Amino acid sequence: MGKREERSWTTVAIDKKQAHFLDNISKNARFTGGRKLSKTAIMRTLIRVAKRLDVDANEVKSEEQLKKSFLAAFEKYK
């Protein structure tokens, strides 16, 4: 990962299904020969990936619209 960047702390509220999803990623890594990953590390990685996408958030008014913008950007990236 290289040089460690200065970090900013924030609180993110997620529902139980989302937390379970992150836990499963961590457990899968650990039980298949990798190491346990923290939810924070997984979230940082998701943000790094999202930064590479050309997400159009113009006129987005809801989480659902934002999700569609991310998915569209992901499809273009593939």
PDB file of N, CA and C in Angstrom:
ATOM      1  N   MET A   1       0.832  -1.196   0.000  1.00  0.00           N
ATOM      2  CA  MET A   1       0.000   0.000   0.000  1.00  0.00           C
ATOM      3  C   MET A   1       0.865   1.243   0.000  1.00  0.00           C
ATOM      4  N   GLY A   2       2.126   1.124   0.388  1.00  0.00           N
ATOM      5  CA  GLY A   2       2.992   2.291   0.330  1.00  0.00           C
ATOM      6  C   GLY A   2       2.902   3.149   1.568  1.00  0.00           C
ATOM      7  N   LYS A   3       3.243   4.407   1.407  1.00  0.00           N
ATOM      8  CA  LYS A   3       3.268   5.363   2.506  1.00  0.00           C
ATOM      9  C   LYS A   3       1.867   5.537   3.094  1.00  0.00           C
ATOM     10  N   ARG A   4       1.799   5.529   4.402  1.00  0.00           N
ATOM     11  CA  ARG A   4       0.517   5.672   5.087  1.00  0.00           C
ATOM     12  C   ARG A   4       0.070   7.124   5.037  1.00  0.00           C
ATOM     13  N   GLU A   5      -1.138   7.331   4.561  1.00  0.00           N
ATOM     14  CA  GLU A   5      -1.691   8.686   4.464  1.00  0.00           C
ATOM     15  C   GLU A   5      -2.278   9.126   5.796  1.00  0.00           C
ATOM     16  N   GLU A   6      -2.340  10.425   5.977  1.00  0.00           N
ATOM     17  CA  GLU A   6      -2.990  10.968   7.166  1.00  0.00           C
ATOM     18  C   GLU A   6      -4.461  10.575   7.114  1.00  0.00           C
ATOM     19  N   ARG A   7      -4.987  10.160   8.243  1.00  0.00           N
ATOM     20  CA  ARG A   7      -6.366   9.676   8.273  1.00  0.00           C
ATOM     21  C   ARG A   7      -7.293  10.669   8.937  1.00  0.00           C
ATOM     22  N   SER A   8      -8.522  10.640   8.462  1.00  0.00           N
ATOM     23  CA  SER A   8      -9.597  11.429   9.042  1.00  0.00           C
ATOM     24  C   SER A   8     -10.630  10.443   9.574  1.00  0.00           C
ATOM     25  N   TRP A   9     -11.157  10.683  10.752  1.00  0.00           N
ATOM     26  CA  TRP A   9     -12.108   9.761  11.357  1.00  0.00           C
ATOM     27  C   TRP A   9     -13.530  10.212  11.116  1.00  0.00           C
ATOM     28  N   THR A  10     -14.370   9.260  10.786  1.00  0.00           N
ATOM     29  CA  THR A  10     -15.790   9.543  10.592  1.00  0.00           C
ATOM     30  C   THR A  10     -16.592   8.345  11.077  1.00  0.00           C
ATOM     31  N   THR A  11     -17.829   8.566  11.418  1.00  0.00           N
ATOM     32  CA  THR A  11     -18.716   7.500  11.855  1.00  0.00           C
ATOM     33  C   THR A  11     -19.696   7.201  10.733  1.00  0.00           C
ATOM     34  N   VAL A  12     -19.859   5.925  10.436  1.00  0.00           N
ATOM     35  CA  VAL A  12     -20.778   5.510   9.387  1.00  0.00           C
ATOM     36  C   VAL A  12     -21.799   4.563  10.005  1.00  0.00           C
ATOM     37  N   ALA A  13     -23.066   4.867   9.824  1.00  0.00           N
ATOM     38  CA  ALA A  13     -24.127   3.990  10.320  1.00  0.00           C
ATOM     39  C   ALA A  13     -24.565   3.068   9.192  1.00  0.00           C
ATOM     40  N   ILE A  14     -24.444   1.762   9.427  1.00  0.00           N
ATOM     41  CA  ILE A  14     -24.887   0.779   8.441  1.00  0.00           C
ATOM     42  C   ILE A  14     -25.862  -0.179   9.116  1.00  0.00           C
ATOM     43  N   ASP A  15     -26.709  -0.820   8.297  1.00  0.00           N
ATOM     44  CA  ASP A  15     -27.658  -1.755   8.905  1.00  0.00           C
ATOM     45  C   ASP A  15     -26.989  -3.106   9.163  1.00  0.00           C
ATOM     46  N   LYS A  16     -27.696  -3.999   9.823  1.00  0.00           N
ATOM     47  CA  LYS A  16     -27.124  -5.281  10.224  1.00  0.00           C
ATOM     48  C   LYS A  16     -26.721  -6.136   9.025  1.00  0.00           C
ATOM     49  N   LYS A  17     -27.494  -6.089   7.951  1.00  0.00           N
ATOM     50  CA  LYS A  17     -27.149  -6.869   6.763  1.00  0.00           C
ATOM     51  C   LYS A  17     -25.843  -6.374   6.143  1.00  0.00           C
ATOM     52  N   GLN A  18     -25.651  -5.070   6.136  1.00  0.00           N
ATOM     53  CA  GLN A  18     -24.417  -4.498   5.599  1.00  0.00           C
ATOM     54  C   GLN A  18     -23.232  -4.874   6.478  1.00  0.00           C
ATOM     55  N   ALA A  19     -23.413  -4.830   7.794  1.00  0.00           N
ATOM     56  CA  ALA A  19     -22.346  -5.217   8.718  1.00  0.00           C
ATOM     57  C   ALA A  19     -22.018  -6.699   8.544  1.00  0.00           C
ATOM     58  N   HIS A  20     -23.043  -7.522   8.373  1.00  0.00           N
ATOM     59  CA  HIS A  20     -22.849  -8.954   8.165  1.00  0.00           C
ATOM     60  C   HIS A  20     -22.071  -9.204   6.860  1.00  0.00           C
ATOM     61  N   PHE A  21     -22.380  -8.452   5.825  1.00  0.00           N
ATOM     62  CA  PHE A  21     -21.678  -8.551   4.549  1.00  0.00           C
ATOM     63  C   PHE A  21     -20.183  -8.272   4.741  1.00  0.00           C
ATOM     64  N   LEU A  22     -19.861  -7.198   5.457  1.00  0.00           N
ATOM     65  CA  LEU A  22     -18.464  -6.855   5.713  1.00  0.00           C
ATOM     66  C   LEU A  22     -17.785  -7.943   6.553  1.00  0.00           C
ATOM     67  N   ASP A  23     -18.498  -8.463   7.557  1.00  0.00           N
ATOM     68  CA  ASP A  23     -17.947  -9.542   8.381  1.00  0.00           C
ATOM     69  C   ASP A  23     -17.637 -10.775   7.533  1.00  0.00           C
ATOM     70  N   ASN A  24     -18.529 -11.083   6.595  1.00  0.00           N
ATOM     71  CA  ASN A  24     -18.311 -12.258   5.741  1.00  0.00           C
ATOM     72  C   ASN A  24     -17.078 -12.096   4.855  1.00  0.00           C
ATOM     73  N   ILE A  25     -16.867 -10.901   4.327  1.00  0.00           N
ATOM     74  CA  ILE A  25     -15.653 -10.659   3.531  1.00  0.00           C
ATOM     75  C   ILE A  25     -14.427 -10.923   4.397  1.00  0.00           C
ATOM     76  N   SER A  26     -14.446 -10.397   5.609  1.00  0.00           N
ATOM     77  CA  SER A  26     -13.325 -10.566   6.528  1.00  0.00           C
ATOM     78  C   SER A  26     -13.089 -12.038   6.857  1.00  0.00           C
ATOM     79  N   LYS A  27     -14.165 -12.750   7.194  1.00  0.00           N
ATOM     80  CA  LYS A  27     -14.043 -14.163   7.556  1.00  0.00           C
ATOM     81  C   LYS A  27     -13.574 -14.996   6.371  1.00  0.00           C
ATOM     82  N   ASN A  28     -14.102 -14.718   5.188  1.00  0.00           N
ATOM     83  CA  ASN A  28     -13.685 -15.469   4.002  1.00  0.00           C
ATOM     84  C   ASN A  28     -12.198 -15.301   3.740  1.00  0.00           C
ATOM     85  N   ALA A  29     -11.703 -14.087   3.898  1.00  0.00           N
ATOM     86  CA  ALA A  29     -10.269 -13.849   3.707  1.00  0.00           C
ATOM     87  C   ALA A  29      -9.468 -14.673   4.711  1.00  0.00           C
ATOM     88  N   ARG A  30      -9.893 -14.638   5.946  1.00  0.00           N
ATOM     89  CA  ARG A  30      -9.154 -15.313   7.022  1.00  0.00           C
ATOM     90  C   ARG A  30      -9.174 -16.829   6.870  1.00  0.00           C
ATOM     91  N   PHE A  31     -10.333 -17.369   6.528  1.00  0.00           N
ATOM     92  CA  PHE A  31     -10.465 -18.827   6.492  1.00  0.00           C
ATOM     93  C   PHE A  31     -10.013 -19.446   5.177  1.00  0.00           C
ATOM     94  N   THR A  32      -9.559 -18.634   4.243  1.00  0.00           N
ATOM     95  CA  THR A  32      -9.058 -19.184   2.978  1.00  0.00           C
ATOM     96  C   THR A  32      -7.575 -18.878   2.787  1.00  0.00           C
ATOM     97  N   GLY A  33      -6.895 -18.668   3.893  1.00  0.00           N
ATOM     98  CA  GLY A  33      -5.453 -18.501   3.825  1.00  0.00           C
ATOM     99  C   GLY A  33      -4.959 -17.077   3.943  1.00  0.00           C
ATOM    100  N   GLY A  34      -5.875 -16.119   3.933  1.00  0.00           N
ATOM    101  CA  GLY A  34      -5.473 -14.722   4.098  1.00  0.00           C
ATOM    102  C   GLY A  34      -5.475 -14.344   5.565  1.00  0.00           C
ATOM    103  N   ARG A  35      -5.726 -13.101   5.821  1.00  0.00           N
ATOM    104  CA  ARG A  35      -5.834 -12.668   7.213  1.00  0.00           C
ATOM    105  C   ARG A  35      -7.144 -11.928   7.399  1.00  0.00           C
ATOM    106  N   LYS A  36      -7.586 -11.829   8.637  1.00  0.00           N
ATOM    107  CA  LYS A  36      -8.830 -11.139   8.949  1.00  0.00           C
ATOM    108  C   LYS A  36      -8.675  -9.663   8.605  1.00  0.00           C
ATOM    109  N   LEU A  37      -9.655  -9.121   7.916  1.00  0.00           N
ATOM    110  CA  LEU A  37      -9.646  -7.702   7.555  1.00  0.00           C
ATOM    111  C   LEU A  37     -10.659  -6.954   8.410  1.00  0.00           C
ATOM    112  N   SER A  38     -10.301  -5.773   8.842  1.00  0.00           N
ATOM    113  CA  SER A  38     -11.245  -4.977   9.626  1.00  0.00           C
ATOM    114  C   SER A  38     -12.308  -4.377   8.701  1.00  0.00           C
ATOM    115  N   LYS A  39     -13.452  -4.074   9.274  1.00  0.00           N
ATOM    116  CA  LYS A  39     -14.504  -3.406   8.494  1.00  0.00           C
ATOM    117  C   LYS A  39     -13.977  -2.089   7.938  1.00  0.00           C
ATOM    118  N   THR A  40     -13.157  -1.408   8.719  1.00  0.00           N
ATOM    119  CA  THR A  40     -12.590  -0.136   8.278  1.00  0.00           C
ATOM    120  C   THR A  40     -11.702  -0.334   7.057  1.00  0.00           C
ATOM    121  N   ALA A  41     -10.877  -1.378   7.056  1.00  0.00           N
ATOM    122  CA  ALA A  41     -10.006  -1.651   5.910  1.00  0.00           C
ATOM    123  C   ALA A  41     -10.829  -1.973   4.672  1.00  0.00           C
ATOM    124  N   ILE A  42     -11.902  -2.724   4.854  1.00  0.00           N
ATOM    125  CA  ILE A  42     -12.770  -3.060   3.724  1.00  0.00           C
ATOM    126  C   ILE A  42     -13.431  -1.804   3.174  1.00  0.00           C
ATOM    127  N   MET A  43     -13.923  -0.942   4.054  1.00  0.00           N
ATOM    128  CA  MET A  43     -14.569   0.300   3.614  1.00  0.00           C
ATOM    129  C   MET A  43     -13.571   1.207   2.888  1.00  0.00           C
ATOM    130  N   ARG A  44     -12.345   1.314   3.398  1.00  0.00           N
ATOM    131  CA  ARG A  44     -11.323   2.126   2.710  1.00  0.00           C
ATOM    132  C   ARG A  44     -11.060   1.588   1.313  1.00  0.00           C
ATOM    133  N   THR A  45     -10.999   0.264   1.195  1.00  0.00           N
ATOM    134  CA  THR A  45     -10.773  -0.353  -0.107  1.00  0.00           C
ATOM    135  C   THR A  45     -11.939  -0.076  -1.054  1.00  0.00           C
ATOM    136  N   LEU A  46     -13.164  -0.180  -0.561  1.00  0.00           N
ATOM    137  CA  LEU A  46     -14.334   0.131  -1.389  1.00  0.00           C
ATOM    138  C   LEU A  46     -14.290   1.577  -1.887  1.00  0.00           C
ATOM    139  N   ILE A  47     -13.858   2.486  -1.041  1.00  0.00           N
ATOM    140  CA  ILE A  47     -13.759   3.893  -1.435  1.00  0.00           C
ATOM    141  C   ILE A  47     -12.674   4.070  -2.493  1.00  0.00           C
ATOM    142  N   ARG A  48     -11.519   3.396  -2.326  1.00  0.00           N
ATOM    143  CA  ARG A  48     -10.457   3.483  -3.337  1.00  0.00           C
ATOM    144  C   ARG A  48     -10.944   2.983  -4.694  1.00  0.00           C
ATOM    145  N   VAL A  49     -11.691   1.884  -4.690  1.00  0.00           N
ATOM    146  CA  VAL A  49     -12.242   1.352  -5.941  1.00  0.00           C
ATOM    147  C   VAL A  49     -13.245   2.336  -6.528  1.00  0.00           C
ATOM    148  N   ALA A  50     -14.131   2.867  -5.694  1.00  0.00           N
ATOM    149  CA  ALA A  50     -15.149   3.810  -6.169  1.00  0.00           C
ATOM    150  C   ALA A  50     -14.519   5.063  -6.772  1.00  0.00           C
ATOM    151  N   LYS A  51     -13.382   5.480  -6.246  1.00  0.00           N
ATOM    152  CA  LYS A  51     -12.705   6.678  -6.768  1.00  0.00           C
ATOM    153  C   LYS A  51     -12.236   6.482  -8.203  1.00  0.00           C
ATOM    154  N   ARG A  52     -12.015   5.246  -8.617  1.00  0.00           N
ATOM    155  CA  ARG A  52     -11.554   4.971  -9.980  1.00  0.00           C
ATOM    156  C   ARG A  52     -12.697   4.997 -10.994  1.00  0.00           C
ATOM    157  N   LEU A  53     -13.924   4.976 -10.510  1.00  0.00           N
ATOM    158  CA  LEU A  53     -15.084   4.982 -11.392  1.00  0.00           C
ATOM    159  C   LEU A  53     -15.479   6.415 -11.724  1.00  0.00           C
ATOM    160  N   ASP A  54     -16.059   6.597 -12.866  1.00  0.00           N
ATOM    161  CA  ASP A  54     -16.540   7.920 -13.264  1.00  0.00           C
ATOM    162  C   ASP A  54     -18.024   8.021 -12.909  1.00  0.00           C
ATOM    163  N   VAL A  55     -18.287   8.231 -11.619  1.00  0.00           N
ATOM    164  CA  VAL A  55     -19.662   8.264 -11.127  1.00  0.00           C
ATOM    165  C   VAL A  55     -20.266   9.637 -11.388  1.00  0.00           C
ATOM    166  N   ASP A  56     -21.417   9.629 -12.038  1.00  0.00           N
ATOM    167  CA  ASP A  56     -22.126  10.874 -12.314  1.00  0.00           C
ATOM    168  C   ASP A  56     -23.169  11.086 -11.222  1.00  0.00           C
ATOM    169  N   ALA A  57     -22.884  11.991 -10.303  1.00  0.00           N
ATOM    170  CA  ALA A  57     -23.806  12.268  -9.205  1.00  0.00           C
ATOM    171  C   ALA A  57     -24.624  13.529  -9.447  1.00  0.00           C
ATOM    172  N   ASN A  58     -24.572  14.049 -10.676  1.00  0.00           N
ATOM    173  CA  ASN A  58     -25.362  15.238 -10.996  1.00  0.00           C
ATOM    174  C   ASN A  58     -26.852  14.950 -10.823  1.00  0.00           C
ATOM    175  N   GLU A  59     -27.505  15.813 -10.106  1.00  0.00           N
ATOM    176  CA  GLU A  59     -28.945  15.769  -9.874  1.00  0.00           C
ATOM    177  C   GLU A  59     -29.420  14.522  -9.123  1.00  0.00           C
ATOM    178  N   VAL A  60     -28.510  13.817  -8.467  1.00  0.00           N
ATOM    179  CA  VAL A  60     -28.897  12.667  -7.655  1.00  0.00           C
ATOM    180  C   VAL A  60     -29.582  13.178  -6.399  1.00  0.00           C
ATOM    181  N   LYS A  61     -30.749  12.591  -6.106  1.00  0.00           N
ATOM    182  CA  LYS A  61     -31.525  13.063  -4.964  1.00  0.00           C
ATOM    183  C   LYS A  61     -31.801  11.974  -3.926  1.00  0.00           C
ATOM    184  N   SER A  62     -31.313  10.764  -4.181  1.00  0.00           N
ATOM    185  CA  SER A  62     -31.583   9.681  -3.235  1.00  0.00           C
ATOM    186  C   SER A  62     -30.448   8.655  -3.273  1.00  0.00           C
ATOM    187  N   GLU A  63     -30.419   7.845  -2.248  1.00  0.00           N
ATOM    188  CA  GLU A  63     -29.439   6.767  -2.188  1.00  0.00           C
ATOM    189  C   GLU A  63     -29.633   5.804  -3.352  1.00  0.00           C
ATOM    190  N   GLU A  64     -30.873   5.531  -3.693  1.00  0.00           N
ATOM    191  CA  GLU A  64     -31.177   4.613  -4.794  1.00  0.00           C
ATOM    192  C   GLU A  64     -30.648   5.158  -6.122  1.00  0.00           C
ATOM    193  N   GLN A  65     -30.826   6.448  -6.363  1.00  0.00           N
ATOM    194  CA  GLN A  65     -30.293   7.054  -7.586  1.00  0.00           C
ATOM    195  C   GLN A  65     -28.764   6.986  -7.597  1.00  0.00           C
ATOM    196  N   LEU A  66     -28.156   7.223  -6.442  1.00  0.00           N
ATOM    197  CA  LEU A  66     -26.699   7.162  -6.346  1.00  0.00           C
ATOM    198  C   LEU A  66     -26.201   5.739  -6.622  1.00  0.00           C
ATOM    199  N   LYS A  67     -26.911   4.757  -6.082  1.00  0.00           N
ATOM    200  CA  LYS A  67     -26.550   3.362  -6.341  1.00  0.00           C
ATOM    201  C   LYS A  67     -26.589   3.071  -7.840  1.00  0.00           C
ATOM    202  N   LYS A  68     -27.629   3.553  -8.523  1.00  0.00           N
ATOM    203  CA  LYS A  68     -27.742   3.345  -9.968  1.00  0.00           C
ATOM    204  C   LYS A  68     -26.587   4.023 -10.708  1.00  0.00           C
ATOM    205  N   SER A  69     -26.175   5.194 -10.256  1.00  0.00           N
ATOM    206  CA  SER A  69     -25.043   5.890 -10.867  1.00  0.00           C
ATOM    207  C   SER A  69     -23.752   5.100 -10.691  1.00  0.00           C
ATOM    208  N   PHE A  70     -23.553   4.535  -9.504  1.00  0.00           N
ATOM    209  CA  PHE A  70     -22.371   3.713  -9.261  1.00  0.00           C
ATOM    210  C   PHE A  70     -22.384   2.467 -10.138  1.00  0.00           C
ATOM    211  N   LEU A  71     -23.534   1.808 -10.220  1.00  0.00           N
ATOM    212  CA  LEU A  71     -23.625   0.597 -11.033  1.00  0.00           C
ATOM    213  C   LEU A  71     -23.393   0.899 -12.514  1.00  0.00           C
ATOM    214  N   ALA A  72     -23.923   2.020 -12.988  1.00  0.00           N
ATOM    215  CA  ALA A  72     -23.702   2.410 -14.379  1.00  0.00           C
ATOM    216  C   ALA A  72     -22.223   2.678 -14.628  1.00  0.00           C
ATOM    217  N   ALA A  73     -21.569   3.356 -13.695  1.00  0.00           N
ATOM    218  CA  ALA A  73     -20.135   3.634 -13.829  1.00  0.00           C
ATOM    219  C   ALA A  73     -19.328   2.344 -13.808  1.00  0.00           C
ATOM    220  N   PHE A  74     -19.733   1.414 -12.984  1.00  0.00           N
ATOM    221  CA  PHE A  74     -19.055   0.127 -12.903  1.00  0.00           C
ATOM    222  C   PHE A  74     -19.180  -0.633 -14.218  1.00  0.00           C
ATOM    223  N   GLU A  75     -20.372  -0.609 -14.806  1.00  0.00           N
ATOM    224  CA  GLU A  75     -20.580  -1.298 -16.085  1.00  0.00           C
ATOM    225  C   GLU A  75     -19.708  -0.693 -17.175  1.00  0.00           C
ATOM    226  N   LYS A  76     -19.563   0.633 -17.176  1.00  0.00           N
ATOM    227  CA  LYS A  76     -18.697   1.293 -18.171  1.00  0.00           C
ATOM    228  C   LYS A  76     -17.230   0.931 -17.935  1.00  0.00           C
ATOM    229  N   TYR A  77     -16.861   0.745 -16.674  1.00  0.00           N
ATOM    230  CA  TYR A  77     -15.461   0.461 -16.327  1.00  0.00           C
ATOM    231  C   TYR A  77     -15.045  -0.922 -16.797  1.00  0.00           C
ATOM    232  N   LYS A  78     -15.989  -1.864 -16.752  1.00  0.00           N
ATOM    233  CA  LYS A  78     -15.663  -3.252 -17.143  1.00  0.00           C
ATOM    234  C   LYS A  78     -15.246  -3.258 -18.555  1.00  0.00           C
TER     235      LYS A  78
END
